[in-house]
Every structure is written in C-alpha cells, then in structure tokens.
Amino acid sequence: MLRHFLGLQWKSFYRSATFKTEIWFKILMAFGALYFALSLLGLGFGVYFIIEEMGLGDPLRVVNRYMVYYLAVDLMFRYMMQKMPVTNIRPLLYLPMPKARVVNFSLGKTVVSFFNWTHAFFLVPFSVILIIKDYAPLQVIGWHLAIMALIYANNFLNVMINNKNGFFYAFLALMVLAGLSQYYGLWDISLYGAPVFDLFYDSPWSALVPWGLVVALYFASFRYFKGHMFLDGGLAGRTSEASTEDLAWLDRFGNLGTFLKNDIKLIKRNKRSRTAVIMGFFFIFYGLLFFTGAIEAYDNAYWKIFAGIFVTGGFLFSFGQYVPSWDSSYYPLMMSQNIRYREYLSSKWYLIVIATVITTILSTFYLYFGWEAYAAVLVGAIYNVGVNSYLVLWGGAYVKTPIELTSNKKAFGDKQAFNAKTLLLTLPKLLLPIMIYALGDLLIGPWAGFGLVAGFGLLGFVFREKAFKRIEEVYKKEKYKTLLAYKQK
C-alpha cells in the first residue's frame, strides 16, 4: 500500500502542468535548504566553543535557556512554509481502502519533512561535542531525544494550528502575550523555559514526557483528518444565503468597471480574500519597528526604505501577488469569453493603486516620528505603484497555484497559494529598492537615495504602456499552462 501511495505522489509530480517550473524552483529551494543545513551544522559544531570563549557559563545551560525561542521560531516558520498533509483523497473514497491507511500516509509524509530532520544538523554535532567534553553520555542522549521529540511535537501541532481555529487562536494569543511580556520586561520566558530543558539532561527519563506529547498530538491529528474524510462533510463546500450587489457606478468604466466589480465582490464575499485584505491593512503598523527606534539594529535609512515598501504595500503583497490565482475557479470561463488581457490586468493594477493610496493616507501618523520617516513611506508608495505593481502582475503569470475561495479550514483561510515560489518572487520587490537607495546614498547622500527610489517609481508611470504590453505577452504565453494547472486539484 505504501508503494502504491508513493507511486501516486510521483505521478502527480511529474504529470503536473507546472512540472518544468517546479523543477527549477525545487533546484533553487535545494540550494537554500543546503545553505540552511550547513548553517545549522556550523552552529552545532561552533556554539559550544563560542559560548565558552565568551564566558557566558555552561554551554549546555546557555543553549537550554534560549531553546524555547528556537522552538518558537521553528513553529512560526513551519506555519508559513511547511506544506500540510495533502493527499487527493476524493477519488480514494470510492475504493475499498481503509481511511486509516490514507490518513497515516498523509501524516507520515510530514514526519520525513525537511523541517524535521534538518534540526539534526545542529543537535547531533552539539551532542557529540558535549560527550567529548565529558558530559554524561546517557544524560546527553536523554536531552537530545527530548529536544527531537519537541521538534516532532511542533510538526503535529502545526498540523492542528493550520486546520483548527481553536488551536490557531490559542497559539496566536500565547505568542502575542509572550512577546509583549518579553518586550516590556514583565517576565522573561527563557527563565521559565530553561529549567524544563535542564530537567531533560538532569533526569534523562523525563524525555518520555515530550515523546508522549508527540503521540498525543499524532492521534489528535489522525482523529481530525479521519473524522473529516467524507464527501458530505469535510470536503463539501459551505453554503450560505446568496446576496446581490449593484455597484452600478463602476459601469462608466466599461469592461474595466466590470472586472473591478468582480474583484470587490470577491473580496467581500470570500474568507480567503477578506483575510488577505485585513492582513494587508495591518502592514501599516509594520513601520513601528523601524521608525520608533525601539530596535537599535533597525535604526538606519536602509531599513526605513524597507519599511516604507512594506507599510504602503500591504495589499500589494497580500492580494496582488496572487493574481490571477484569485480567479482560478472561473478562469477557464473568463478565457472562453471575448476578454482582452490588458483590461483584466488594468483592473488589478488600479485596485492595487487605490489600495496603496489609501494606505499612504492612513500612514500619515508616521509624521510624528519625523519627516524622514514619512518620506520613506511616500517613496515606498511611489515605488510600489511605479515598479512593484508591475512585478506582482508579471510574477502572477508564473505562480499557477489555484486558490479555493470557499475554504474555511484555517483561521487565516487556505494558504495553499503561499509557498516557496511566491516567497522567491517577493524578494526582488523588497531587495531592489534597498539596492537603489544604497546607490544614491553612497554616491551623494540619504535624500538622494530617497529621490533615486522615487525616480524609479516615476519612470514606471512613464513606461506604463510598455510594461503592460510585456506583461500581457507573458500572460498570453502562459495562458494554456495556467488553464491546465487550474484544472488540477
């Protein structure tokens, strides 16, 4: 049975409409994974000697003090990047196949995930060095097994967080509470977490406790998926009372107005798109980390231009970069009509521009932190409209991941369109303006850097027709690949 499941997974990979694109991204991701693994390997071999040389105390106790942060970052990173146990179970439900086997296979795939075994690059060399340095071998092994158990507990906890709203809100509340308490000095979570990790070394038998937690979380995940593995429940779409909206005032814009009406209705009626807009709104407050001087490392103009891009680009990053995935459910119907790509793309662009202008106006409170802070916001807005708006539309042609608008399985909606591919396409939008600013800053000064970034944004308006022409050509070239990708579930 396992061999049969593995065969199905392999066929779904190489028969995919995006097979060639996936190959290149997987190669690039492999290099990223290699760099990450080598970094952990270097940390595993070097952290003992670094702590010892700095005179911070017993290296193991120091690592234990900060292990709670290590696990918290691991869990947050998993939530953003790790794929959930996805198996195309709809056709399997018609076959004489036990549900338990299907669920066990799906959960088993997460056990061998990169997000689990990569931690061995840090833990194994660090544990070996501890033994070489005359730490008790049995106690080191107990500590090592306990930490690995907590990493696997993170794996199954992430499954529950992604699928049950109660787990997500509890996790979010705990993280916010811990972060605020740490920031305002109310209590240091590391002081309370360190004794627990010290116990794993002092009493090796205590490693049984986190392994018991792993088993409990596995069975909780197993029961959840098995309980939702039927057509008329977990896989069925949620129905609700239909409503109509006129929005006749947009008719004056012709076909452009029709597309804008569709987008407005899509945002208002679907959880996934509404969540993206709400998340984009909260990007406005991202600048507080950079403009208030609360974090010394961020108190420079390079980070401020980065913040300016984020503050005014919330909608652009949360909604814009998933064009045309938002329309994946009815994209084939749209392509069968007499629709010009230019009109379709222009409606998305105007939506991004309107949202950027609104967020720029809402961000005027940054004037309180000085003209330089608000200048970074204004420059970021100009650059987002003049450059990044075209980049997100261009990148959307290559991100052929359908979005299930009616999905209600996660607190933040279905995140199937958020993956390593979209993350890689986001990097140029963030790094390029910083490089442009650095050029102006190094040659003349800070305000020249701001001017250069704004100048590139204004050039985007000048070459708008050429930019749209090029983007339209890309969409036409990728049209049938996109249609084929959206048909796959």
Protein backbone atom coordinates (compact mmCIF):
# COMPACT_ATOMS: atom_id res chain seq x y z
CA MET A 1 0.00 0.00 0.00
CA LEU A 2 2.84 2.38 0.86
CA ARG A 3 4.43 1.68 -2.52
CA HIS A 4 1.11 2.47 -4.21
CA PHE A 5 0.80 5.82 -2.40
CA LEU A 6 4.39 6.77 -3.26
CA GLY A 7 3.68 5.94 -6.90
CA LEU A 8 0.66 8.23 -6.91
CA GLN A 9 2.72 11.06 -5.38
CA TRP A 10 5.44 10.67 -8.02
CA LYS A 11 2.93 10.62 -10.87
CA SER A 12 1.18 13.74 -9.54
CA PHE A 13 4.57 15.49 -9.53
CA TYR A 14 5.90 14.71 -12.99
CA ARG A 15 2.47 14.87 -14.69
CA SER A 16 1.80 18.31 -13.23
CA ALA A 17 1.15 21.16 -15.67
CA THR A 18 3.86 23.14 -13.86
CA PHE A 19 6.42 20.32 -13.90
CA LYS A 20 9.19 22.29 -15.64
CA THR A 21 8.65 25.35 -13.47
CA GLU A 22 8.58 23.20 -10.33
CA ILE A 23 11.88 21.56 -11.27
CA TRP A 24 13.74 24.90 -11.40
CA PHE A 25 12.18 26.14 -8.19
CA LYS A 26 12.93 22.88 -6.44
CA ILE A 27 16.57 23.13 -7.54
CA LEU A 28 16.72 26.68 -6.18
CA MET A 29 14.98 25.55 -2.98
CA ALA A 30 17.51 22.71 -2.70
CA PHE A 31 20.36 25.23 -2.67
CA GLY A 32 18.51 27.20 0.01
CA ALA A 33 17.99 24.02 2.05
CA LEU A 34 21.68 23.16 1.67
CA TYR A 35 22.69 26.61 2.92
CA PHE A 36 20.31 26.30 5.86
CA ALA A 37 21.62 22.83 6.73
CA LEU A 38 25.25 23.96 6.53
CA SER A 39 24.46 26.96 8.75
CA LEU A 40 22.93 24.67 11.38
CA LEU A 41 25.89 22.31 11.03
CA GLY A 42 28.34 25.15 11.65
CA LEU A 43 26.27 26.30 14.61
CA GLY A 44 26.19 22.77 16.01
CA PHE A 45 29.97 22.46 15.91
CA GLY A 46 30.74 26.00 16.97
CA VAL A 47 28.15 27.12 19.52
CA TYR A 48 29.82 25.27 22.43
CA PHE A 49 33.18 26.94 21.82
CA ILE A 50 31.63 30.36 21.14
CA ILE A 51 29.76 30.31 24.45
CA GLU A 52 32.84 29.02 26.28
CA GLU A 53 35.08 31.71 24.77
CA MET A 54 32.61 34.47 25.65
CA GLY A 55 32.48 33.24 29.22
CA LEU A 56 28.67 33.04 29.36
CA GLY A 57 28.66 29.94 31.54
CA ASP A 58 27.92 26.27 30.99
CA PRO A 59 27.28 25.99 27.20
CA LEU A 60 24.51 23.42 27.64
CA ARG A 61 22.68 25.57 30.20
CA VAL A 62 23.01 28.61 27.96
CA VAL A 63 21.58 26.70 24.99
CA ASN A 64 18.76 25.44 27.20
CA ARG A 65 17.91 28.99 28.21
CA TYR A 66 17.32 30.03 24.60
CA MET A 67 15.89 26.72 23.35
CA VAL A 68 12.33 28.00 23.86
CA TYR A 69 12.98 30.72 21.27
CA TYR A 70 14.47 28.13 18.90
CA LEU A 71 11.30 26.03 19.09
CA ALA A 72 9.01 29.08 18.79
CA VAL A 73 10.77 30.29 15.63
CA ASP A 74 10.64 26.74 14.26
CA LEU A 75 6.87 26.60 14.78
CA MET A 76 6.27 30.02 13.18
CA PHE A 77 8.46 29.12 10.21
CA ARG A 78 6.56 25.86 9.80
CA TYR A 79 3.22 27.67 9.79
CA MET A 80 4.39 29.90 6.97
CA MET A 81 6.26 27.39 4.83
CA GLN A 82 5.52 23.74 5.64
CA LYS A 83 3.00 22.03 3.39
CA MET A 84 0.18 20.30 5.16
CA PRO A 85 -0.50 16.55 4.68
CA VAL A 86 -2.30 16.86 1.37
CA THR A 87 -3.47 13.77 -0.47
CA ASN A 88 -6.02 13.74 -3.24
CA ILE A 89 -8.42 11.65 -1.16
CA ARG A 90 -11.61 12.38 -3.11
CA PRO A 91 -11.09 9.58 -5.67
CA LEU A 92 -9.71 7.28 -2.94
CA LEU A 93 -13.02 7.39 -1.07
CA TYR A 94 -14.66 5.29 -3.78
CA LEU A 95 -12.10 2.49 -3.44
CA PRO A 96 -12.07 -0.41 -0.94
CA MET A 97 -9.25 1.20 1.01
CA PRO A 98 -9.21 1.82 4.78
CA LYS A 99 -9.36 5.51 5.67
CA ALA A 100 -6.81 4.94 8.42
CA ARG A 101 -4.14 3.97 5.87
CA VAL A 102 -4.71 7.11 3.82
CA VAL A 103 -4.54 9.36 6.89
CA ASN A 104 -1.46 7.58 8.25
CA PHE A 105 0.32 8.03 4.93
CA SER A 106 -0.56 11.73 4.79
CA LEU A 107 0.69 12.35 8.32
CA GLY A 108 3.71 10.15 7.69
CA LYS A 109 4.80 12.46 4.90
CA THR A 110 5.16 15.28 7.42
CA VAL A 111 7.37 13.11 9.66
CA VAL A 112 10.07 12.85 6.97
CA SER A 113 9.76 16.54 6.13
CA PHE A 114 12.85 18.74 5.76
CA PHE A 115 11.52 20.82 8.63
CA ASN A 116 12.09 17.87 10.99
CA TRP A 117 15.32 16.11 10.05
CA THR A 118 17.25 19.30 9.29
CA HIS A 119 17.48 20.03 13.03
CA ALA A 120 19.77 17.01 13.32
CA PHE A 121 22.50 19.11 11.67
CA PHE A 122 22.56 21.20 14.84
CA LEU A 123 21.64 18.70 17.55
CA VAL A 124 23.87 15.76 16.54
CA PRO A 125 27.24 17.62 16.41
CA PHE A 126 26.36 19.63 19.52
CA SER A 127 25.50 16.42 21.40
CA VAL A 128 28.73 14.73 20.22
CA ILE A 129 30.80 17.68 21.44
CA LEU A 130 29.02 17.57 24.81
CA ILE A 131 30.01 13.91 25.20
CA ILE A 132 33.59 14.67 24.14
CA LYS A 133 33.67 17.42 26.78
CA ASP A 134 32.91 14.86 29.50
CA TYR A 135 29.18 15.38 29.83
CA ALA A 136 27.41 12.17 30.91
CA PRO A 137 26.59 10.25 27.68
CA LEU A 138 23.29 8.82 28.95
CA GLN A 139 22.11 12.25 30.07
CA VAL A 140 23.14 13.88 26.76
CA ILE A 141 21.24 11.20 24.84
CA GLY A 142 18.16 11.81 27.02
CA TRP A 143 18.39 15.57 26.38
CA HIS A 144 18.88 15.01 22.65
CA LEU A 145 15.86 12.70 22.37
CA ALA A 146 13.69 15.14 24.33
CA ILE A 147 14.55 18.06 22.01
CA MET A 148 13.88 15.91 18.93
CA ALA A 149 10.53 14.95 20.44
CA LEU A 150 9.61 18.62 20.88
CA ILE A 151 10.55 19.28 17.24
CA TYR A 152 8.21 16.48 16.13
CA ALA A 153 5.58 17.83 18.53
CA ASN A 154 5.90 21.14 16.63
CA ASN A 155 5.26 19.20 13.43
CA PHE A 156 1.90 17.81 14.55
CA LEU A 157 1.00 20.97 16.47
CA ASN A 158 1.44 22.87 13.20
CA VAL A 159 -0.99 20.45 11.54
CA MET A 160 -3.61 21.25 14.18
CA ILE A 161 -2.92 25.01 14.08
CA ASN A 162 -3.45 25.04 10.32
CA ASN A 163 -6.70 23.10 10.49
CA LYS A 164 -8.44 24.03 13.74
CA ASN A 165 -9.25 27.64 14.55
CA GLY A 166 -9.18 26.98 18.28
CA PHE A 167 -5.57 25.83 18.15
CA PHE A 168 -4.60 28.77 15.97
CA TYR A 169 -6.16 31.45 18.17
CA ALA A 170 -4.70 29.87 21.31
CA PHE A 171 -1.25 29.79 19.70
CA LEU A 172 -1.58 33.37 18.43
CA ALA A 173 -2.71 34.66 21.84
CA LEU A 174 0.16 32.84 23.57
CA MET A 175 2.75 34.23 21.15
CA VAL A 176 1.42 37.79 21.43
CA LEU A 177 1.28 37.58 25.23
CA ALA A 178 4.81 36.17 25.46
CA GLY A 179 6.16 38.76 23.01
CA LEU A 180 4.60 41.72 24.82
CA SER A 181 5.71 40.44 28.22
CA GLN A 182 9.26 39.98 26.94
CA TYR A 183 9.34 43.38 25.24
CA TYR A 184 8.07 45.31 28.26
CA GLY A 185 10.19 43.31 30.70
CA LEU A 186 7.24 41.90 32.67
CA TRP A 187 8.73 38.40 32.67
CA ASP A 188 11.41 36.57 30.73
CA ILE A 189 10.06 33.37 29.20
CA SER A 190 13.58 31.97 28.84
CA LEU A 191 13.99 31.95 32.64
CA TYR A 192 10.93 29.73 32.97
CA GLY A 193 11.77 27.53 29.98
CA ALA A 194 15.41 26.83 30.91
CA PRO A 195 14.63 24.63 33.97
CA VAL A 196 12.44 22.40 31.79
CA PHE A 197 15.24 21.78 29.28
CA ASP A 198 17.75 21.38 32.12
CA LEU A 199 15.49 18.66 33.51
CA PHE A 200 15.82 16.70 30.27
CA TYR A 201 19.57 16.50 30.94
CA ASP A 202 19.50 16.09 34.71
CA SER A 203 16.81 13.38 34.53
CA PRO A 204 17.07 11.52 31.19
CA TRP A 205 13.88 9.54 31.86
CA SER A 206 11.93 12.83 31.54
CA ALA A 207 12.41 12.55 27.75
CA LEU A 208 9.41 10.20 27.85
CA VAL A 209 7.14 13.18 28.55
CA PRO A 210 7.71 15.06 25.23
CA TRP A 211 7.52 11.75 23.33
CA GLY A 212 4.17 11.15 24.99
CA LEU A 213 3.14 14.60 23.78
CA VAL A 214 4.16 13.64 20.23
CA VAL A 215 1.98 10.52 20.38
CA ALA A 216 -0.98 12.51 21.74
CA LEU A 217 -0.69 15.16 19.02
CA TYR A 218 -0.34 12.49 16.33
CA PHE A 219 -3.55 10.77 17.40
CA ALA A 220 -5.32 14.15 17.67
CA SER A 221 -4.30 14.93 14.08
CA PHE A 222 -5.25 11.42 12.99
CA ARG A 223 -8.73 11.70 14.51
CA TYR A 224 -9.27 15.12 12.98
CA PHE A 225 -8.40 14.06 9.42
CA LYS A 226 -10.20 10.74 9.63
CA GLY A 227 -13.28 12.50 11.03
CA HIS A 228 -13.35 14.91 8.07
CA MET A 229 -12.63 12.32 5.39
CA PHE A 230 -16.07 12.10 3.83
CA LEU A 231 -17.67 13.86 0.87
CA ASP A 232 -20.74 15.32 2.57
CA GLY A 233 -18.79 16.90 5.44
CA GLY A 234 -15.11 17.78 5.48
CA LEU A 235 -14.81 18.02 1.69
CA ALA A 236 -18.13 19.68 0.96
CA GLY A 237 -18.34 23.36 0.23
CA ARG A 238 -20.09 25.54 2.77
CA THR A 239 -23.34 27.05 1.51
CA SER A 240 -24.81 30.34 2.60
CA GLU A 241 -27.56 32.70 1.60
CA ALA A 242 -26.76 34.50 -1.63
CA SER A 243 -26.89 38.27 -1.96
CA THR A 244 -26.53 40.64 -4.88
CA GLU A 245 -24.79 43.99 -5.19
CA ASP A 246 -25.26 46.51 -7.95
CA LEU A 247 -22.13 48.73 -7.93
CA ALA A 248 -23.62 50.44 -10.99
CA TRP A 249 -21.37 53.48 -10.53
CA LEU A 250 -18.49 51.39 -11.93
CA ASP A 251 -20.32 50.79 -15.24
CA ARG A 252 -19.00 54.10 -16.57
CA PHE A 253 -15.54 52.46 -16.88
CA GLY A 254 -16.73 49.82 -19.34
CA ASN A 255 -15.07 46.39 -19.17
CA LEU A 256 -12.59 47.74 -16.65
CA GLY A 257 -15.50 48.54 -14.33
CA THR A 258 -16.87 45.00 -14.75
CA PHE A 259 -13.58 43.50 -13.59
CA LEU A 260 -13.38 45.93 -10.67
CA LYS A 261 -16.90 44.92 -9.58
CA ASN A 262 -15.91 41.27 -9.68
CA ASP A 263 -12.85 41.96 -7.53
CA ILE A 264 -14.80 43.99 -4.97
CA LYS A 265 -17.42 41.23 -4.70
CA LEU A 266 -14.70 38.60 -4.43
CA ILE A 267 -13.08 40.45 -1.52
CA LYS A 268 -16.37 40.99 0.32
CA ARG A 269 -17.82 37.51 -0.10
CA ASN A 270 -14.90 35.12 0.42
CA LYS A 271 -12.97 34.42 3.59
CA ARG A 272 -9.60 33.90 1.91
CA SER A 273 -9.65 37.22 0.05
CA ARG A 274 -11.08 39.15 3.03
CA THR A 275 -8.30 37.81 5.21
CA ALA A 276 -5.70 38.92 2.67
CA VAL A 277 -7.08 42.47 2.73
CA ILE A 278 -7.19 42.54 6.55
CA MET A 279 -3.61 41.30 6.73
CA GLY A 280 -2.61 43.97 4.23
CA PHE A 281 -4.15 46.63 6.49
CA PHE A 282 -2.04 45.52 9.46
CA PHE A 283 1.09 46.02 7.36
CA ILE A 284 0.59 49.74 8.03
CA PHE A 285 1.84 49.27 11.58
CA TYR A 286 4.93 47.36 10.48
CA GLY A 287 6.85 50.64 10.35
CA LEU A 288 6.64 50.99 14.13
CA LEU A 289 9.50 48.51 14.38
CA PHE A 290 11.73 50.74 12.25
CA PHE A 291 10.67 54.37 12.79
CA THR A 292 10.37 54.42 16.59
CA GLY A 293 13.96 53.45 17.34
CA ALA A 294 12.72 50.62 19.56
CA ILE A 295 15.12 48.17 17.88
CA GLU A 296 18.59 49.64 17.53
CA ALA A 297 19.60 47.36 14.65
CA TYR A 298 16.75 48.78 12.52
CA ASP A 299 17.59 52.41 13.20
CA ASN A 300 19.08 53.31 9.81
CA ALA A 301 17.80 54.58 6.49
CA TYR A 302 18.25 51.25 4.68
CA TRP A 303 15.72 49.57 6.95
CA LYS A 304 13.45 52.61 6.73
CA ILE A 305 13.10 52.31 2.98
CA PHE A 306 12.39 48.61 3.51
CA ALA A 307 9.67 49.60 6.00
CA GLY A 308 8.25 52.17 3.58
CA ILE A 309 7.78 49.46 0.94
CA PHE A 310 6.00 47.23 3.46
CA VAL A 311 3.82 49.91 5.06
CA THR A 312 2.25 51.00 1.78
CA GLY A 313 2.49 47.61 0.02
CA GLY A 314 0.36 45.52 2.34
CA PHE A 315 -2.44 44.99 -0.18
CA LEU A 316 0.08 44.57 -2.98
CA PHE A 317 1.87 41.71 -1.19
CA SER A 318 -1.14 40.02 0.43
CA PHE A 319 -3.57 40.28 -2.50
CA GLY A 320 -1.74 41.48 -5.61
CA GLN A 321 0.89 38.77 -5.81
CA TYR A 322 -1.82 36.08 -6.07
CA VAL A 323 -3.21 37.46 -9.35
CA PRO A 324 -4.63 35.59 -11.25
CA SER A 325 -4.91 32.78 -8.65
CA TRP A 326 -7.89 34.56 -7.09
CA ASP A 327 -9.86 33.87 -10.27
CA SER A 328 -8.69 30.26 -10.63
CA SER A 329 -12.16 28.76 -10.02
CA TYR A 330 -13.67 30.56 -13.02
CA TYR A 331 -10.53 31.42 -15.02
CA PRO A 332 -11.34 28.91 -17.82
CA LEU A 333 -14.75 30.57 -18.24
CA MET A 334 -13.15 34.01 -18.45
CA MET A 335 -10.67 32.84 -21.07
CA SER A 336 -13.51 31.47 -23.22
CA GLN A 337 -15.04 34.96 -23.44
CA ASN A 338 -14.02 37.86 -25.65
CA ILE A 339 -11.84 39.42 -22.96
CA ARG A 340 -8.65 41.37 -23.51
CA TYR A 341 -5.84 40.59 -21.10
CA ARG A 342 -5.00 44.28 -20.98
CA GLU A 343 -8.39 45.15 -19.48
CA TYR A 344 -8.15 42.31 -16.98
CA LEU A 345 -4.64 43.31 -15.87
CA SER A 346 -5.52 47.02 -15.75
CA SER A 347 -8.36 46.33 -13.31
CA LYS A 348 -5.95 44.55 -10.96
CA TRP A 349 -3.43 47.37 -11.31
CA TYR A 350 -6.00 50.06 -10.49
CA LEU A 351 -7.12 48.05 -7.46
CA ILE A 352 -3.51 47.95 -6.22
CA VAL A 353 -3.06 51.68 -6.88
CA ILE A 354 -6.25 52.60 -4.98
CA ALA A 355 -5.24 50.43 -2.01
CA THR A 356 -1.73 51.92 -2.00
CA VAL A 357 -3.07 55.48 -2.00
CA ILE A 358 -5.45 54.68 0.87
CA THR A 359 -2.71 53.08 2.99
CA THR A 360 -0.40 56.03 2.29
CA ILE A 361 -3.05 58.43 3.60
CA LEU A 362 -3.66 56.22 6.65
CA SER A 363 0.09 56.20 7.32
CA THR A 364 0.34 59.97 7.82
CA PHE A 365 0.68 59.38 11.58
CA TYR A 366 4.33 58.49 10.86
CA LEU A 367 4.92 62.26 10.59
CA TYR A 368 5.06 62.10 14.37
CA PHE A 369 8.39 60.28 14.03
CA GLY A 370 9.86 62.90 11.68
CA TRP A 371 9.90 63.93 8.06
CA GLU A 372 12.45 61.26 7.16
CA ALA A 373 10.10 58.52 8.37
CA TYR A 374 7.17 59.76 6.32
CA ALA A 375 9.45 60.41 3.34
CA ALA A 376 10.31 56.70 3.40
CA VAL A 377 6.58 55.92 3.39
CA LEU A 378 5.87 58.26 0.44
CA VAL A 379 8.86 57.00 -1.52
CA GLY A 380 7.78 53.41 -0.82
CA ALA A 381 4.27 54.19 -2.11
CA ILE A 382 5.60 55.73 -5.34
CA TYR A 383 7.91 52.77 -5.91
CA ASN A 384 5.16 50.24 -5.17
CA VAL A 385 2.83 51.82 -7.70
CA GLY A 386 5.50 52.51 -10.33
CA VAL A 387 7.54 49.30 -10.14
CA ASN A 388 6.28 46.65 -7.71
CA SER A 389 2.74 46.75 -9.08
CA TYR A 390 4.08 45.56 -12.45
CA LEU A 391 6.34 42.97 -10.80
CA VAL A 392 3.45 41.33 -8.92
CA LEU A 393 1.35 41.14 -12.08
CA TRP A 394 4.28 39.72 -14.03
CA GLY A 395 5.10 37.19 -11.31
CA GLY A 396 1.48 36.07 -11.11
CA ALA A 397 1.75 34.56 -14.58
CA TYR A 398 4.23 32.01 -13.22
CA VAL A 399 2.53 31.22 -9.89
CA LYS A 400 -0.07 28.78 -11.16
CA THR A 401 -1.45 27.74 -7.78
CA PRO A 402 -5.27 27.69 -7.58
CA ILE A 403 -6.93 29.24 -4.54
CA GLU A 404 -10.03 27.72 -3.02
CA LEU A 405 -12.06 30.81 -2.20
CA THR A 406 -14.67 28.94 -0.17
CA SER A 407 -12.09 27.24 2.03
CA ASN A 408 -12.87 27.60 5.70
CA LYS A 409 -10.39 25.10 7.11
CA LYS A 410 -7.92 27.53 8.65
CA ALA A 411 -8.10 30.62 10.75
CA PHE A 412 -6.34 32.59 8.07
CA GLY A 413 -8.07 30.87 5.17
CA ASP A 414 -6.47 28.44 2.76
CA LYS A 415 -2.79 29.29 2.41
CA GLN A 416 -2.17 26.91 -0.49
CA ALA A 417 -1.02 29.81 -2.68
CA PHE A 418 1.62 30.83 -0.15
CA ASN A 419 4.69 28.71 -0.80
CA ALA A 420 8.40 28.95 -1.50
CA LYS A 421 7.70 30.04 -5.09
CA THR A 422 5.72 33.13 -4.07
CA LEU A 423 8.35 33.89 -1.44
CA LEU A 424 11.16 33.80 -4.00
CA LEU A 425 9.23 36.09 -6.34
CA THR A 426 8.72 38.51 -3.44
CA LEU A 427 12.44 39.01 -2.75
CA PRO A 428 13.16 41.29 -5.79
CA LYS A 429 10.31 43.58 -4.74
CA LEU A 430 11.98 44.12 -1.35
CA LEU A 431 15.69 43.98 -2.15
CA LEU A 432 15.74 46.07 -5.36
CA PRO A 433 14.57 49.37 -3.77
CA ILE A 434 17.13 48.94 -0.97
CA MET A 435 19.89 48.49 -3.57
CA ILE A 436 18.67 51.57 -5.48
CA TYR A 437 18.61 53.60 -2.26
CA ALA A 438 22.11 52.39 -1.34
CA LEU A 439 23.42 53.58 -4.70
CA GLY A 440 22.09 57.12 -4.19
CA ASP A 441 23.11 57.19 -0.54
CA LEU A 442 26.70 56.12 -1.21
CA LEU A 443 27.18 58.50 -4.15
CA ILE A 444 25.53 61.63 -2.73
CA GLY A 445 23.55 61.19 0.48
CA PRO A 446 20.38 59.84 2.16
CA TRP A 447 17.93 62.21 0.48
CA ALA A 448 19.49 61.41 -2.90
CA GLY A 449 18.77 57.76 -2.13
CA PHE A 450 15.12 58.58 -1.46
CA GLY A 451 14.99 60.63 -4.66
CA LEU A 452 16.51 57.82 -6.72
CA VAL A 453 13.96 55.29 -5.45
CA ALA A 454 11.11 57.72 -6.15
CA GLY A 455 12.61 58.41 -9.57
CA PHE A 456 12.46 54.73 -10.49
CA GLY A 457 8.84 54.70 -9.36
CA LEU A 458 8.02 57.69 -11.57
CA LEU A 459 9.75 56.03 -14.52
CA GLY A 460 7.26 53.23 -14.08
CA PHE A 461 4.47 55.66 -14.92
CA VAL A 462 6.35 56.90 -18.00
CA PHE A 463 6.85 53.37 -19.35
CA ARG A 464 3.47 52.08 -18.23
CA GLU A 465 2.31 51.14 -21.73
CA LYS A 466 5.46 49.17 -22.47
CA ALA A 467 5.28 47.43 -19.10
CA PHE A 468 1.68 46.35 -19.66
CA LYS A 469 2.47 45.22 -23.19
CA ARG A 470 5.27 42.99 -21.92
CA ILE A 471 3.14 41.59 -19.07
CA GLU A 472 0.28 40.90 -21.48
CA GLU A 473 2.65 38.93 -23.73
CA VAL A 474 3.75 36.80 -20.78
CA TYR A 475 0.15 36.05 -19.79
CA LYS A 476 -0.71 35.04 -23.34
CA LYS A 477 2.34 32.78 -23.50
CA GLU A 478 1.45 31.11 -20.19
CA LYS A 479 -2.31 31.02 -20.81
CA TYR A 480 -2.78 27.32 -21.59
CA LYS A 481 -0.30 26.19 -18.93
CA THR A 482 -2.27 28.24 -16.42
CA LEU A 483 -5.59 26.79 -17.56
CA LEU A 484 -4.21 23.27 -17.24
CA ALA A 485 -2.78 23.99 -13.78
CA TYR A 486 -6.09 25.38 -12.50
CA LYS A 487 -7.89 22.22 -13.58
CA GLN A 488 -5.69 20.13 -11.31
CA LYS A 489 -6.78 19.69 -7.70
